[in-house]
Structure formats: C-alpha cells, structure tokens
Amino acid sequence: MMRIYTIVLITIGLAACEPRHNSADTSAATDGSTGGARLFVDNCAQCHQVTGQGGPAPGGLPAPDIRQLTKSPAELRQIITFGFGKMPSFKDSISDAQISEIADYVAAQVERHAQ
C-alpha cells in the first residue's frame, strides 16, 4: 500500500514540475511542435512577435523581422547569447542548449520564409 502512495506522490510531483506552455501561442509560431518554437515564443516573441515579423517592442523600440535576417546559426547563437544593439543578452537566463534551439528555429524560419 505504501508503494502505491509513493508512486502517486511521485507522479503528482513530476506533473507539477512540467513546464507549462500556451499551445495557442506556439501554434502560430510553428508548423510543428519544436522546442525551439516554444523557446522562441517564451523568450523572443515579446519583441519579435510570435510570427517573427518584428515590430514595436516594449519601450517603443523596433525589433527586426527575424525572417529577413542573413545570419548563420552560429551568428544567431552569438547574438542571442551576448545581445546585439538594444537586444539583451540571454546567457544568464537560458541554457546554451536552449540558445542553440532558438538559433536553429530562427534559421529554419529564415529558410522557410525565403522559399
């Protein structure tokens, strides 16, 4: 009986720790459910919009349309990690792996938009 309670408590604990993402927000950013798309929505869409089209960011600063960038994934990783111009650095708020996922997602959006 004690094992059942333990399993139930572990299951509840794991479910409570699972990150929550608004699927309505991510569906507009991607044609599939990728980690990069979710991370983009969570960390970048506030300025670059869910679709990546850019526009006015908080404080009225313009954010560029990420679909028009001519940067390699490596350059995108550098920009996301260290910031660029008015864009803040994300090195202290997300992991290197998450930065890579965002950079790969953005590169894929650039490629998809160019077609």
PDB file of N, CA and C in Angstrom:
ATOM      1  N   MET A   1       0.823  -1.189   0.000  1.00  0.00           N
ATOM      2  CA  MET A   1       0.000   0.000   0.000  1.00  0.00           C
ATOM      3  C   MET A   1       0.872   1.261   0.000  1.00  0.00           C
ATOM      4  N   MET A   2       1.964   1.219   0.744  1.00  0.00           N
ATOM      5  CA  MET A   2       2.868   2.363   0.814  1.00  0.00           C
ATOM      6  C   MET A   2       3.482   2.644  -0.563  1.00  0.00           C
ATOM      7  N   ARG A   3       3.763   1.602  -1.351  1.00  0.00           N
ATOM      8  CA  ARG A   3       4.335   1.782  -2.679  1.00  0.00           C
ATOM      9  C   ARG A   3       3.381   2.548  -3.595  1.00  0.00           C
ATOM     10  N   ILE A   4       2.102   2.258  -3.498  1.00  0.00           N
ATOM     11  CA  ILE A   4       1.123   2.951  -4.326  1.00  0.00           C
ATOM     12  C   ILE A   4       1.112   4.442  -3.992  1.00  0.00           C
ATOM     13  N   TYR A   5       1.118   4.769  -2.708  1.00  0.00           N
ATOM     14  CA  TYR A   5       1.141   6.170  -2.302  1.00  0.00           C
ATOM     15  C   TYR A   5       2.411   6.860  -2.805  1.00  0.00           C
ATOM     16  N   THR A   6       3.526   6.182  -2.727  1.00  0.00           N
ATOM     17  CA  THR A   6       4.792   6.734  -3.196  1.00  0.00           C
ATOM     18  C   THR A   6       4.738   7.007  -4.693  1.00  0.00           C
ATOM     19  N   ILE A   7       4.235   6.055  -5.455  1.00  0.00           N
ATOM     20  CA  ILE A   7       4.135   6.223  -6.905  1.00  0.00           C
ATOM     21  C   ILE A   7       3.198   7.377  -7.239  1.00  0.00           C
ATOM     22  N   VAL A   8       2.075   7.462  -6.561  1.00  0.00           N
ATOM     23  CA  VAL A   8       1.121   8.546  -6.802  1.00  0.00           C
ATOM     24  C   VAL A   8       1.763   9.893  -6.483  1.00  0.00           C
ATOM     25  N   LEU A   9       2.452  10.002  -5.373  1.00  0.00           N
ATOM     26  CA  LEU A   9       3.098  11.257  -4.996  1.00  0.00           C
ATOM     27  C   LEU A   9       4.186  11.656  -5.985  1.00  0.00           C
ATOM     28  N   ILE A  10       4.953  10.701  -6.444  1.00  0.00           N
ATOM     29  CA  ILE A  10       5.996  10.997  -7.429  1.00  0.00           C
ATOM     30  C   ILE A  10       5.367  11.479  -8.725  1.00  0.00           C
ATOM     31  N   THR A  11       4.312  10.811  -9.167  1.00  0.00           N
ATOM     32  CA  THR A  11       3.625  11.199 -10.400  1.00  0.00           C
ATOM     33  C   THR A  11       3.063  12.609 -10.291  1.00  0.00           C
ATOM     34  N   ILE A  12       2.435  12.918  -9.179  1.00  0.00           N
ATOM     35  CA  ILE A  12       1.884  14.265  -8.967  1.00  0.00           C
ATOM     36  C   ILE A  12       3.007  15.295  -8.942  1.00  0.00           C
ATOM     37  N   GLY A  13       4.100  14.969  -8.273  1.00  0.00           N
ATOM     38  CA  GLY A  13       5.243  15.878  -8.205  1.00  0.00           C
ATOM     39  C   GLY A  13       5.837  16.158  -9.569  1.00  0.00           C
ATOM     40  N   LEU A  14       5.980  15.131 -10.390  1.00  0.00           N
ATOM     41  CA  LEU A  14       6.535  15.319 -11.732  1.00  0.00           C
ATOM     42  C   LEU A  14       5.596  16.140 -12.604  1.00  0.00           C
ATOM     43  N   ALA A  15       4.313  15.889 -12.492  1.00  0.00           N
ATOM     44  CA  ALA A  15       3.347  16.652 -13.279  1.00  0.00           C
ATOM     45  C   ALA A  15       3.364  18.125 -12.884  1.00  0.00           C
ATOM     46  N   ALA A  16       3.552  18.409 -11.617  1.00  0.00           N
ATOM     47  CA  ALA A  16       3.580  19.796 -11.148  1.00  0.00           C
ATOM     48  C   ALA A  16       4.825  20.529 -11.625  1.00  0.00           C
ATOM     49  N   CYS A  17       5.917  19.811 -11.863  1.00  0.00           N
ATOM     50  CA  CYS A  17       7.172  20.419 -12.295  1.00  0.00           C
ATOM     51  C   CYS A  17       7.255  20.615 -13.802  1.00  0.00           C
ATOM     52  N   GLU A  18       6.352  20.032 -14.550  1.00  0.00           N
ATOM     53  CA  GLU A  18       6.398  20.124 -16.006  1.00  0.00           C
ATOM     54  C   GLU A  18       6.167  21.560 -16.445  1.00  0.00           C
ATOM     55  N   PRO A  19       7.008  22.083 -17.358  1.00  0.00           N
ATOM     56  CA  PRO A  19       6.809  23.450 -17.829  1.00  0.00           C
ATOM     57  C   PRO A  19       5.462  23.583 -18.524  1.00  0.00           C
ATOM     58  N   ARG A  20       4.839  24.708 -18.343  1.00  0.00           N
ATOM     59  CA  ARG A  20       3.550  24.973 -18.974  1.00  0.00           C
ATOM     60  C   ARG A  20       3.760  25.946 -20.127  1.00  0.00           C
ATOM     61  N   HIS A  21       3.249  25.610 -21.276  1.00  0.00           N
ATOM     62  CA  HIS A  21       3.320  26.490 -22.444  1.00  0.00           C
ATOM     63  C   HIS A  21       1.926  26.630 -23.009  1.00  0.00           C
ATOM     64  N   ASN A  22       1.586  27.818 -23.403  1.00  0.00           N
ATOM     65  CA  ASN A  22       0.286  28.058 -24.005  1.00  0.00           C
ATOM     66  C   ASN A  22       0.339  27.565 -25.445  1.00  0.00           C
ATOM     67  N   SER A  23      -0.319  26.465 -25.738  1.00  0.00           N
ATOM     68  CA  SER A  23      -0.246  25.873 -27.069  1.00  0.00           C
ATOM     69  C   SER A  23      -0.840  26.786 -28.121  1.00  0.00           C
ATOM     70  N   ALA A  24      -1.753  27.668 -27.755  1.00  0.00           N
ATOM     71  CA  ALA A  24      -2.312  28.592 -28.728  1.00  0.00           C
ATOM     72  C   ALA A  24      -1.235  29.545 -29.223  1.00  0.00           C
ATOM     73  N   ASP A  25      -0.330  29.965 -28.319  1.00  0.00           N
ATOM     74  CA  ASP A  25       0.746  30.861 -28.720  1.00  0.00           C
ATOM     75  C   ASP A  25       1.753  30.164 -29.614  1.00  0.00           C
ATOM     76  N   THR A  26       2.137  28.945 -29.277  1.00  0.00           N
ATOM     77  CA  THR A  26       3.169  28.269 -30.049  1.00  0.00           C
ATOM     78  C   THR A  26       2.651  27.795 -31.385  1.00  0.00           C
ATOM     79  N   SER A  27       1.377  27.512 -31.526  1.00  0.00           N
ATOM     80  CA  SER A  27       0.870  27.019 -32.800  1.00  0.00           C
ATOM     81  C   SER A  27       1.005  28.063 -33.887  1.00  0.00           C
ATOM     82  N   ALA A  28       0.940  29.322 -33.530  1.00  0.00           N
ATOM     83  CA  ALA A  28       1.095  30.371 -34.520  1.00  0.00           C
ATOM     84  C   ALA A  28       2.547  30.521 -34.953  1.00  0.00           C
ATOM     85  N   ALA A  29       3.486  30.049 -34.156  1.00  0.00           N
ATOM     86  CA  ALA A  29       4.901  30.242 -34.446  1.00  0.00           C
ATOM     87  C   ALA A  29       5.499  29.082 -35.213  1.00  0.00           C
ATOM     88  N   THR A  30       4.803  27.991 -35.339  1.00  0.00           N
ATOM     89  CA  THR A  30       5.427  26.811 -35.916  1.00  0.00           C
ATOM     90  C   THR A  30       4.419  25.929 -36.600  1.00  0.00           C
ATOM     91  N   ASP A  31       4.895  25.155 -37.561  1.00  0.00           N
ATOM     92  CA  ASP A  31       4.015  24.192 -38.206  1.00  0.00           C
ATOM     93  C   ASP A  31       4.151  22.826 -37.545  1.00  0.00           C
ATOM     94  N   GLY A  32       4.943  22.734 -36.506  1.00  0.00           N
ATOM     95  CA  GLY A  32       5.108  21.523 -35.711  1.00  0.00           C
ATOM     96  C   GLY A  32       5.483  21.952 -34.313  1.00  0.00           C
ATOM     97  N   SER A  33       5.495  21.048 -33.399  1.00  0.00           N
ATOM     98  CA  SER A  33       5.804  21.408 -32.021  1.00  0.00           C
ATOM     99  C   SER A  33       7.274  21.141 -31.748  1.00  0.00           C
ATOM    100  N   THR A  34       8.102  22.169 -31.859  1.00  0.00           N
ATOM    101  CA  THR A  34       9.528  22.024 -31.596  1.00  0.00           C
ATOM    102  C   THR A  34       9.900  22.793 -30.346  1.00  0.00           C
ATOM    103  N   GLY A  35      10.958  22.346 -29.717  1.00  0.00           N
ATOM    104  CA  GLY A  35      11.452  23.050 -28.539  1.00  0.00           C
ATOM    105  C   GLY A  35      11.882  24.456 -28.879  1.00  0.00           C
ATOM    106  N   GLY A  36      12.494  24.636 -30.041  1.00  0.00           N
ATOM    107  CA  GLY A  36      12.934  25.955 -30.457  1.00  0.00           C
ATOM    108  C   GLY A  36      11.786  26.932 -30.613  1.00  0.00           C
ATOM    109  N   ALA A  37      10.674  26.449 -31.145  1.00  0.00           N
ATOM    110  CA  ALA A  37       9.499  27.309 -31.322  1.00  0.00           C
ATOM    111  C   ALA A  37       8.941  27.728 -29.966  1.00  0.00           C
ATOM    112  N   ARG A  38       8.827  26.779 -29.057  1.00  0.00           N
ATOM    113  CA  ARG A  38       8.317  27.112 -27.714  1.00  0.00           C
ATOM    114  C   ARG A  38       9.253  28.103 -27.024  1.00  0.00           C
ATOM    115  N   LEU A  39      10.550  27.867 -27.129  1.00  0.00           N
ATOM    116  CA  LEU A  39      11.518  28.767 -26.511  1.00  0.00           C
ATOM    117  C   LEU A  39      11.461  30.149 -27.149  1.00  0.00           C
ATOM    118  N   PHE A  40      11.279  30.191 -28.466  1.00  0.00           N
ATOM    119  CA  PHE A  40      11.153  31.477 -29.160  1.00  0.00           C
ATOM    120  C   PHE A  40       9.947  32.246 -28.619  1.00  0.00           C
ATOM    121  N   VAL A  41       8.812  31.576 -28.525  1.00  0.00           N
ATOM    122  CA  VAL A  41       7.603  32.234 -28.020  1.00  0.00           C
ATOM    123  C   VAL A  41       7.823  32.724 -26.590  1.00  0.00           C
ATOM    124  N   ASP A  42       8.416  31.882 -25.755  1.00  0.00           N
ATOM    125  CA  ASP A  42       8.615  32.233 -24.347  1.00  0.00           C
ATOM    126  C   ASP A  42       9.624  33.357 -24.137  1.00  0.00           C
ATOM    127  N   ASN A  43      10.646  33.443 -24.994  1.00  0.00           N
ATOM    128  CA  ASN A  43      11.749  34.371 -24.745  1.00  0.00           C
ATOM    129  C   ASN A  43      11.890  35.502 -25.755  1.00  0.00           C
ATOM    130  N   CYS A  44      11.353  35.341 -26.959  1.00  0.00           N
ATOM    131  CA  CYS A  44      11.634  36.297 -28.029  1.00  0.00           C
ATOM    132  C   CYS A  44      10.400  37.002 -28.585  1.00  0.00           C
ATOM    133  N   ALA A  45       9.247  36.354 -28.492  1.00  0.00           N
ATOM    134  CA  ALA A  45       8.038  36.871 -29.136  1.00  0.00           C
ATOM    135  C   ALA A  45       7.553  38.185 -28.545  1.00  0.00           C
ATOM    136  N   GLN A  46       7.943  38.485 -27.319  1.00  0.00           N
ATOM    137  CA  GLN A  46       7.532  39.749 -26.725  1.00  0.00           C
ATOM    138  C   GLN A  46       8.002  40.920 -27.594  1.00  0.00           C
ATOM    139  N   CYS A  47       9.158  40.767 -28.213  1.00  0.00           N
ATOM    140  CA  CYS A  47       9.680  41.823 -29.081  1.00  0.00           C
ATOM    141  C   CYS A  47       9.519  41.499 -30.567  1.00  0.00           C
ATOM    142  N   HIS A  48       9.814  40.264 -30.945  1.00  0.00           N
ATOM    143  CA  HIS A  48       9.826  39.880 -32.360  1.00  0.00           C
ATOM    144  C   HIS A  48       8.495  39.347 -32.861  1.00  0.00           C
ATOM    145  N   GLN A  49       7.476  39.302 -31.992  1.00  0.00           N
ATOM    146  CA  GLN A  49       6.146  38.781 -32.306  1.00  0.00           C
ATOM    147  C   GLN A  49       6.205  37.265 -32.478  1.00  0.00           C
ATOM    148  N   VAL A  50       5.091  36.612 -32.303  1.00  0.00           N
ATOM    149  CA  VAL A  50       5.016  35.149 -32.404  1.00  0.00           C
ATOM    150  C   VAL A  50       5.415  34.680 -33.796  1.00  0.00           C
ATOM    151  N   THR A  51       5.058  35.441 -34.801  1.00  0.00           N
ATOM    152  CA  THR A  51       5.372  35.049 -36.180  1.00  0.00           C
ATOM    153  C   THR A  51       6.793  35.403 -36.579  1.00  0.00           C
ATOM    154  N   GLY A  52       7.492  36.188 -35.754  1.00  0.00           N
ATOM    155  CA  GLY A  52       8.854  36.600 -36.080  1.00  0.00           C
ATOM    156  C   GLY A  52       8.911  37.872 -36.900  1.00  0.00           C
ATOM    157  N   GLN A  53       7.763  38.499 -37.167  1.00  0.00           N
ATOM    158  CA  GLN A  53       7.694  39.662 -38.047  1.00  0.00           C
ATOM    159  C   GLN A  53       8.275  40.939 -37.456  1.00  0.00           C
ATOM    160  N   GLY A  54       8.613  40.928 -36.181  1.00  0.00           N
ATOM    161  CA  GLY A  54       9.170  42.117 -35.558  1.00  0.00           C
ATOM    162  C   GLY A  54       8.107  43.172 -35.329  1.00  0.00           C
ATOM    163  N   GLY A  55       8.549  44.365 -35.059  1.00  0.00           N
ATOM    164  CA  GLY A  55       7.626  45.458 -34.792  1.00  0.00           C
ATOM    165  C   GLY A  55       7.994  46.154 -33.502  1.00  0.00           C
ATOM    166  N   PRO A  56       7.083  46.968 -32.999  1.00  0.00           N
ATOM    167  CA  PRO A  56       7.378  47.703 -31.770  1.00  0.00           C
ATOM    168  C   PRO A  56       7.574  46.758 -30.588  1.00  0.00           C
ATOM    169  N   ALA A  57       8.652  46.932 -29.898  1.00  0.00           N
ATOM    170  CA  ALA A  57       8.962  46.139 -28.706  1.00  0.00           C
ATOM    171  C   ALA A  57       8.630  46.984 -27.484  1.00  0.00           C
ATOM    172  N   PRO A  58       8.695  46.399 -26.296  1.00  0.00           N
ATOM    173  CA  PRO A  58       8.457  47.201 -25.093  1.00  0.00           C
ATOM    174  C   PRO A  58       9.363  48.434 -25.084  1.00  0.00           C
ATOM    175  N   GLY A  59       8.812  49.553 -24.700  1.00  0.00           N
ATOM    176  CA  GLY A  59       9.569  50.799 -24.707  1.00  0.00           C
ATOM    177  C   GLY A  59       9.545  51.493 -26.055  1.00  0.00           C
ATOM    178  N   GLY A  60       8.809  50.919 -27.040  1.00  0.00           N
ATOM    179  CA  GLY A  60       8.685  51.534 -28.347  1.00  0.00           C
ATOM    180  C   GLY A  60       9.836  51.277 -29.296  1.00  0.00           C
ATOM    181  N   LEU A  61      10.819  50.501 -28.863  1.00  0.00           N
ATOM    182  CA  LEU A  61      11.955  50.208 -29.746  1.00  0.00           C
ATOM    183  C   LEU A  61      11.544  49.203 -30.820  1.00  0.00           C
ATOM    184  N   PRO A  62      12.015  49.384 -32.032  1.00  0.00           N
ATOM    185  CA  PRO A  62      11.667  48.422 -33.083  1.00  0.00           C
ATOM    186  C   PRO A  62      12.500  47.143 -32.975  1.00  0.00           C
ATOM    187  N   ALA A  63      11.844  46.016 -33.146  1.00  0.00           N
ATOM    188  CA  ALA A  63      12.535  44.727 -33.191  1.00  0.00           C
ATOM    189  C   ALA A  63      12.503  44.245 -34.633  1.00  0.00           C
ATOM    190  N   PRO A  64      13.618  43.753 -35.163  1.00  0.00           N
ATOM    191  CA  PRO A  64      13.639  43.359 -36.569  1.00  0.00           C
ATOM    192  C   PRO A  64      12.820  42.103 -36.855  1.00  0.00           C
ATOM    193  N   ASP A  65      12.432  41.965 -38.099  1.00  0.00           N
ATOM    194  CA  ASP A  65      11.765  40.774 -38.603  1.00  0.00           C
ATOM    195  C   ASP A  65      12.820  39.671 -38.696  1.00  0.00           C
ATOM    196  N   ILE A  66      12.728  38.655 -37.861  1.00  0.00           N
ATOM    197  CA  ILE A  66      13.752  37.602 -37.828  1.00  0.00           C
ATOM    198  C   ILE A  66      13.745  36.783 -39.120  1.00  0.00           C
ATOM    199  N   ARG A  67      12.643  36.843 -39.859  1.00  0.00           N
ATOM    200  CA  ARG A  67      12.545  36.064 -41.098  1.00  0.00           C
ATOM    201  C   ARG A  67      13.391  36.670 -42.209  1.00  0.00           C
ATOM    202  N   GLN A  68      13.857  37.903 -42.013  1.00  0.00           N
ATOM    203  CA  GLN A  68      14.655  38.606 -43.016  1.00  0.00           C
ATOM    204  C   GLN A  68      16.149  38.622 -42.693  1.00  0.00           C
ATOM    205  N   LEU A  69      16.539  37.985 -41.606  1.00  0.00           N
ATOM    206  CA  LEU A  69      17.940  38.002 -41.192  1.00  0.00           C
ATOM    207  C   LEU A  69      18.816  37.237 -42.165  1.00  0.00           C
ATOM    208  N   THR A  70      20.054  37.662 -42.264  1.00  0.00           N
ATOM    209  CA  THR A  70      21.031  36.973 -43.114  1.00  0.00           C
ATOM    210  C   THR A  70      22.183  36.472 -42.254  1.00  0.00           C
ATOM    211  N   LYS A  71      21.849  35.905 -41.112  1.00  0.00           N
ATOM    212  CA  LYS A  71      22.851  35.412 -40.163  1.00  0.00           C
ATOM    213  C   LYS A  71      22.856  33.889 -40.164  1.00  0.00           C
ATOM    214  N   SER A  72      24.032  33.331 -39.953  1.00  0.00           N
ATOM    215  CA  SER A  72      24.158  31.876 -39.816  1.00  0.00           C
ATOM    216  C   SER A  72      23.675  31.467 -38.427  1.00  0.00           C
ATOM    217  N   PRO A  73      23.374  30.179 -38.228  1.00  0.00           N
ATOM    218  CA  PRO A  73      23.000  29.735 -36.874  1.00  0.00           C
ATOM    219  C   PRO A  73      24.062  30.088 -35.828  1.00  0.00           C
ATOM    220  N   ALA A  74      25.336  30.015 -36.198  1.00  0.00           N
ATOM    221  CA  ALA A  74      26.409  30.366 -35.249  1.00  0.00           C
ATOM    222  C   ALA A  74      26.333  31.853 -34.878  1.00  0.00           C
ATOM    223  N   GLU A  75      26.092  32.708 -35.867  1.00  0.00           N
ATOM    224  CA  GLU A  75      25.960  34.145 -35.591  1.00  0.00           C
ATOM    225  C   GLU A  75      24.719  34.421 -34.745  1.00  0.00           C
ATOM    226  N   LEU A  76      23.635  33.705 -35.023  1.00  0.00           N
ATOM    227  CA  LEU A  76      22.419  33.859 -34.226  1.00  0.00           C
ATOM    228  C   LEU A  76      22.658  33.456 -32.782  1.00  0.00           C
ATOM    229  N   ARG A  77      23.403  32.362 -32.577  1.00  0.00           N
ATOM    230  CA  ARG A  77      23.731  31.944 -31.207  1.00  0.00           C
ATOM    231  C   ARG A  77      24.498  33.044 -30.479  1.00  0.00           C
ATOM    232  N   GLN A  78      25.444  33.680 -31.157  1.00  0.00           N
ATOM    233  CA  GLN A  78      26.223  34.766 -30.553  1.00  0.00           C
ATOM    234  C   GLN A  78      25.315  35.931 -30.164  1.00  0.00           C
ATOM    235  N   ILE A  79      24.407  36.298 -31.067  1.00  0.00           N
ATOM    236  CA  ILE A  79      23.505  37.421 -30.807  1.00  0.00           C
ATOM    237  C   ILE A  79      22.589  37.105 -29.631  1.00  0.00           C
ATOM    238  N   ILE A  80      22.023  35.900 -29.608  1.00  0.00           N
ATOM    239  CA  ILE A  80      21.126  35.526 -28.519  1.00  0.00           C
ATOM    240  C   ILE A  80      21.892  35.445 -27.200  1.00  0.00           C
ATOM    241  N   THR A  81      23.092  34.916 -27.250  1.00  0.00           N
ATOM    242  CA  THR A  81      23.898  34.762 -26.038  1.00  0.00           C
ATOM    243  C   THR A  81      24.321  36.105 -25.458  1.00  0.00           C
ATOM    244  N   PHE A  82      24.888  36.971 -26.296  1.00  0.00           N
ATOM    245  CA  PHE A  82      25.502  38.199 -25.796  1.00  0.00           C
ATOM    246  C   PHE A  82      24.697  39.468 -26.053  1.00  0.00           C
ATOM    247  N   GLY A  83      23.610  39.353 -26.818  1.00  0.00           N
ATOM    248  CA  GLY A  83      22.819  40.523 -27.154  1.00  0.00           C
ATOM    249  C   GLY A  83      23.417  41.250 -28.345  1.00  0.00           C
ATOM    250  N   PHE A  84      22.667  42.221 -28.856  1.00  0.00           N
ATOM    251  CA  PHE A  84      23.118  42.989 -30.009  1.00  0.00           C
ATOM    252  C   PHE A  84      22.308  44.276 -30.057  1.00  0.00           C
ATOM    253  N   GLY A  85      22.986  45.416 -30.076  1.00  0.00           N
ATOM    254  CA  GLY A  85      22.264  46.681 -30.068  1.00  0.00           C
ATOM    255  C   GLY A  85      21.405  46.782 -28.817  1.00  0.00           C
ATOM    256  N   LYS A  86      20.112  46.979 -29.009  1.00  0.00           N
ATOM    257  CA  LYS A  86      19.177  47.096 -27.879  1.00  0.00           C
ATOM    258  C   LYS A  86      18.694  45.729 -27.385  1.00  0.00           C
ATOM    259  N   MET A  87      19.013  44.655 -28.119  1.00  0.00           N
ATOM    260  CA  MET A  87      18.583  43.319 -27.694  1.00  0.00           C
ATOM    261  C   MET A  87      19.431  42.868 -26.507  1.00  0.00           C
ATOM    262  N   PRO A  88      18.768  42.391 -25.455  1.00  0.00           N
ATOM    263  CA  PRO A  88      19.521  41.959 -24.268  1.00  0.00           C
ATOM    264  C   PRO A  88      20.208  40.607 -24.471  1.00  0.00           C
ATOM    265  N   SER A  89      21.153  40.337 -23.628  1.00  0.00           N
ATOM    266  CA  SER A  89      21.829  39.044 -23.577  1.00  0.00           C
ATOM    267  C   SER A  89      20.915  38.035 -22.875  1.00  0.00           C
ATOM    268  N   PHE A  90      20.935  36.790 -23.359  1.00  0.00           N
ATOM    269  CA  PHE A  90      20.155  35.738 -22.720  1.00  0.00           C
ATOM    270  C   PHE A  90      21.051  34.691 -22.046  1.00  0.00           C
ATOM    271  N   LYS A  91      22.361  34.964 -21.977  1.00  0.00           N
ATOM    272  CA  LYS A  91      23.295  33.975 -21.444  1.00  0.00           C
ATOM    273  C   LYS A  91      23.029  33.612 -19.986  1.00  0.00           C
ATOM    274  N   ASP A  92      22.444  34.515 -19.224  1.00  0.00           N
ATOM    275  CA  ASP A  92      22.187  34.238 -17.820  1.00  0.00           C
ATOM    276  C   ASP A  92      20.765  33.761 -17.540  1.00  0.00           C
ATOM    277  N   SER A  93      19.914  33.744 -18.572  1.00  0.00           N
ATOM    278  CA  SER A  93      18.521  33.373 -18.331  1.00  0.00           C
ATOM    279  C   SER A  93      18.105  32.056 -18.975  1.00  0.00           C
ATOM    280  N   ILE A  94      18.824  31.607 -20.006  1.00  0.00           N
ATOM    281  CA  ILE A  94      18.537  30.306 -20.615  1.00  0.00           C
ATOM    282  C   ILE A  94      19.850  29.583 -20.890  1.00  0.00           C
ATOM    283  N   SER A  95      19.767  28.272 -21.032  1.00  0.00           N
ATOM    284  CA  SER A  95      20.971  27.465 -21.207  1.00  0.00           C
ATOM    285  C   SER A  95      21.536  27.587 -22.622  1.00  0.00           C
ATOM    286  N   ASP A  96      22.776  27.150 -22.791  1.00  0.00           N
ATOM    287  CA  ASP A  96      23.406  27.130 -24.113  1.00  0.00           C
ATOM    288  C   ASP A  96      22.618  26.247 -25.077  1.00  0.00           C
ATOM    289  N   ALA A  97      22.115  25.132 -24.581  1.00  0.00           N
ATOM    290  CA  ALA A  97      21.319  24.233 -25.427  1.00  0.00           C
ATOM    291  C   ALA A  97      20.040  24.926 -25.887  1.00  0.00           C
ATOM    292  N   GLN A  98      19.401  25.673 -24.995  1.00  0.00           N
ATOM    293  CA  GLN A  98      18.181  26.388 -25.367  1.00  0.00           C
ATOM    294  C   GLN A  98      18.485  27.506 -26.362  1.00  0.00           C
ATOM    295  N   ILE A  99      19.602  28.178 -26.185  1.00  0.00           N
ATOM    296  CA  ILE A  99      20.021  29.208 -27.137  1.00  0.00           C
ATOM    297  C   ILE A  99      20.216  28.586 -28.508  1.00  0.00           C
ATOM    298  N   SER A 100      20.846  27.418 -28.565  1.00  0.00           N
ATOM    299  CA  SER A 100      21.043  26.729 -29.840  1.00  0.00           C
ATOM    300  C   SER A 100      19.717  26.344 -30.481  1.00  0.00           C
ATOM    301  N   GLU A 101      18.768  25.897 -29.658  1.00  0.00           N
ATOM    302  CA  GLU A 101      17.448  25.533 -30.196  1.00  0.00           C
ATOM    303  C   GLU A 101      16.753  26.752 -30.796  1.00  0.00           C
ATOM    304  N   ILE A 102      16.848  27.887 -30.138  1.00  0.00           N
ATOM    305  CA  ILE A 102      16.240  29.113 -30.671  1.00  0.00           C
ATOM    306  C   ILE A 102      16.932  29.520 -31.965  1.00  0.00           C
ATOM    307  N   ALA A 103      18.257  29.494 -31.974  1.00  0.00           N
ATOM    308  CA  ALA A 103      19.010  29.876 -33.171  1.00  0.00           C
ATOM    309  C   ALA A 103      18.653  28.969 -34.353  1.00  0.00           C
ATOM    310  N   ASP A 104      18.552  27.672 -34.104  1.00  0.00           N
ATOM    311  CA  ASP A 104      18.182  26.742 -35.171  1.00  0.00           C
ATOM    312  C   ASP A 104      16.763  27.007 -35.657  1.00  0.00           C
ATOM    313  N   TYR A 105      15.860  27.314 -34.727  1.00  0.00           N
ATOM    314  CA  TYR A 105      14.479  27.627 -35.099  1.00  0.00           C
ATOM    315  C   TYR A 105      14.431  28.888 -35.963  1.00  0.00           C
ATOM    316  N   VAL A 106      15.148  29.931 -35.540  1.00  0.00           N
ATOM    317  CA  VAL A 106      15.161  31.178 -36.307  1.00  0.00           C
ATOM    318  C   VAL A 106      15.753  30.935 -37.692  1.00  0.00           C
ATOM    319  N   ALA A 107      16.845  30.192 -37.776  1.00  0.00           N
ATOM    320  CA  ALA A 107      17.452  29.887 -39.077  1.00  0.00           C
ATOM    321  C   ALA A 107      16.462  29.140 -39.976  1.00  0.00           C
ATOM    322  N   ALA A 108      15.695  28.234 -39.401  1.00  0.00           N
ATOM    323  CA  ALA A 108      14.694  27.495 -40.173  1.00  0.00           C
ATOM    324  C   ALA A 108      13.584  28.423 -40.658  1.00  0.00           C
ATOM    325  N   GLN A 109      13.215  29.409 -39.841  1.00  0.00           N
ATOM    326  CA  GLN A 109      12.179  30.361 -40.252  1.00  0.00           C
ATOM    327  C   GLN A 109      12.675  31.239 -41.388  1.00  0.00           C
ATOM    328  N   VAL A 110      13.947  31.623 -41.334  1.00  0.00           N
ATOM    329  CA  VAL A 110      14.535  32.419 -42.414  1.00  0.00           C
ATOM    330  C   VAL A 110      14.495  31.613 -43.701  1.00  0.00           C
ATOM    331  N   GLU A 111      14.916  30.356 -43.621  1.00  0.00           N
ATOM    332  CA  GLU A 111      14.933  29.496 -44.803  1.00  0.00           C
ATOM    333  C   GLU A 111      13.513  29.277 -45.337  1.00  0.00           C
ATOM    334  N   ARG A 112      12.581  29.017 -44.441  1.00  0.00           N
ATOM    335  CA  ARG A 112      11.193  28.767 -44.838  1.00  0.00           C
ATOM    336  C   ARG A 112      10.579  30.016 -45.479  1.00  0.00           C
ATOM    337  N   HIS A 113      10.879  31.184 -44.946  1.00  0.00           N
ATOM    338  CA  HIS A 113      10.319  32.422 -45.459  1.00  0.00           C
ATOM    339  C   HIS A 113      10.920  32.778 -46.832  1.00  0.00           C
ATOM    340  N   ALA A 114      12.160  32.355 -47.065  1.00  0.00           N
ATOM    341  CA  ALA A 114      12.832  32.663 -48.333  1.00  0.00           C
ATOM    342  C   ALA A 114      12.266  31.838 -49.494  1.00  0.00           C
ATOM    343  N   GLN A 115      11.599  30.754 -49.192  1.00  0.00           N
ATOM    344  CA  GLN A 115      11.084  29.884 -50.258  1.00  0.00           C
ATOM    345  C   GLN A 115       9.839  30.434 -50.900  1.00  0.00           C
TER     346      GLN A 115
END
